[in-house]
């Protein structure tokens, strides 16, 4: 079993993004979650950088999970 310790200073990814990424991957699978993020970014209204930032944080959460499970 691998453990991801949230709140570590070496990552700038918010804990909430890692938690949400984990739940989405567990529920939808990695491919579906990736597709959801891409669709979310592409469909964000022009001028809504806050929406895009949220999707990007979620993608960073998935990257943090991927990095943690490789080590």
Protein backbone atom coordinates (compact mmCIF):
# COMPACT_ATOMS: atom_id res chain seq x y z
CA UNK A 1 0.00 0.00 0.00
CA UNK A 2 1.26 3.46 -0.87
CA UNK A 3 0.41 6.52 1.15
CA UNK A 4 0.21 10.07 -0.12
CA UNK A 5 0.75 12.58 2.64
CA UNK A 6 -1.16 15.72 1.84
CA UNK A 7 0.10 19.16 2.79
CA UNK A 8 3.73 18.47 2.01
CA UNK A 9 5.72 21.62 1.24
CA UNK A 10 7.43 20.07 -1.79
CA UNK A 11 4.23 20.26 -3.80
CA UNK A 12 2.30 23.37 -4.67
CA UNK A 13 -0.76 21.34 -5.62
CA UNK A 14 -3.67 22.04 -3.28
CA UNK A 15 -4.71 19.08 -1.13
CA UNK A 16 -8.27 19.47 -2.36
CA UNK A 17 -7.11 18.97 -5.97
CA UNK A 18 -5.30 15.76 -5.04
CA UNK A 19 -8.33 14.46 -3.13
CA UNK A 20 -10.70 15.26 -5.98
CA UNK A 21 -8.32 13.75 -8.53
CA UNK A 22 -8.13 10.57 -6.48
CA UNK A 23 -11.91 10.29 -6.19
CA UNK A 24 -12.42 10.93 -9.89
CA UNK A 25 -9.81 8.39 -10.94
CA UNK A 26 -11.33 5.82 -8.58
CA UNK A 27 -14.83 6.51 -9.90
CA UNK A 28 -14.27 7.19 -13.60
CA UNK A 29 -10.85 5.73 -14.33
CA UNK A 30 -7.74 7.55 -15.46
CA UNK A 31 -8.70 7.91 -19.14
CA UNK A 32 -12.19 9.24 -18.43
CA UNK A 33 -10.84 11.69 -15.86
CA UNK A 34 -8.26 12.95 -18.35
CA UNK A 35 -10.98 13.39 -20.98
CA UNK A 36 -13.15 15.25 -18.46
CA UNK A 37 -10.32 17.68 -17.70
CA UNK A 38 -9.56 18.32 -21.36
CA UNK A 39 -13.25 18.89 -22.11
CA UNK A 40 -13.57 21.20 -19.10
CA UNK A 41 -10.63 23.33 -20.18
CA UNK A 42 -11.79 23.51 -23.79
CA UNK A 43 -15.36 24.40 -22.89
CA UNK A 44 -14.52 27.15 -20.38
CA UNK A 45 -16.01 30.46 -21.41
CA UNK A 46 -13.65 33.08 -22.72
CA UNK A 47 -12.35 35.26 -19.92
CA UNK A 48 -12.99 32.66 -17.22
CA UNK A 49 -9.42 32.02 -16.21
CA UNK A 50 -10.66 30.95 -12.76
CA UNK A 51 -12.46 28.00 -14.35
CA UNK A 52 -9.41 27.02 -16.37
CA UNK A 53 -7.24 27.37 -13.26
CA UNK A 54 -9.51 24.92 -11.43
CA UNK A 55 -9.19 22.34 -14.19
CA UNK A 56 -5.42 22.85 -14.29
CA UNK A 57 -5.20 22.30 -10.52
CA UNK A 58 -7.16 19.08 -10.96
CA UNK A 59 -4.72 17.97 -13.66
CA UNK A 60 -1.85 18.79 -11.29
CA UNK A 61 -3.58 16.67 -8.64
CA UNK A 62 -3.58 13.73 -11.03
CA UNK A 63 0.09 14.35 -11.81
CA UNK A 64 0.85 14.35 -8.07
CA UNK A 65 -0.97 11.03 -7.72
CA UNK A 66 0.89 9.57 -10.69
CA UNK A 67 4.23 10.75 -9.32
CA UNK A 68 3.47 9.35 -5.87
CA UNK A 69 2.49 5.93 -7.19
CA UNK A 70 5.65 5.65 -9.29
CA UNK A 71 7.89 5.97 -6.23
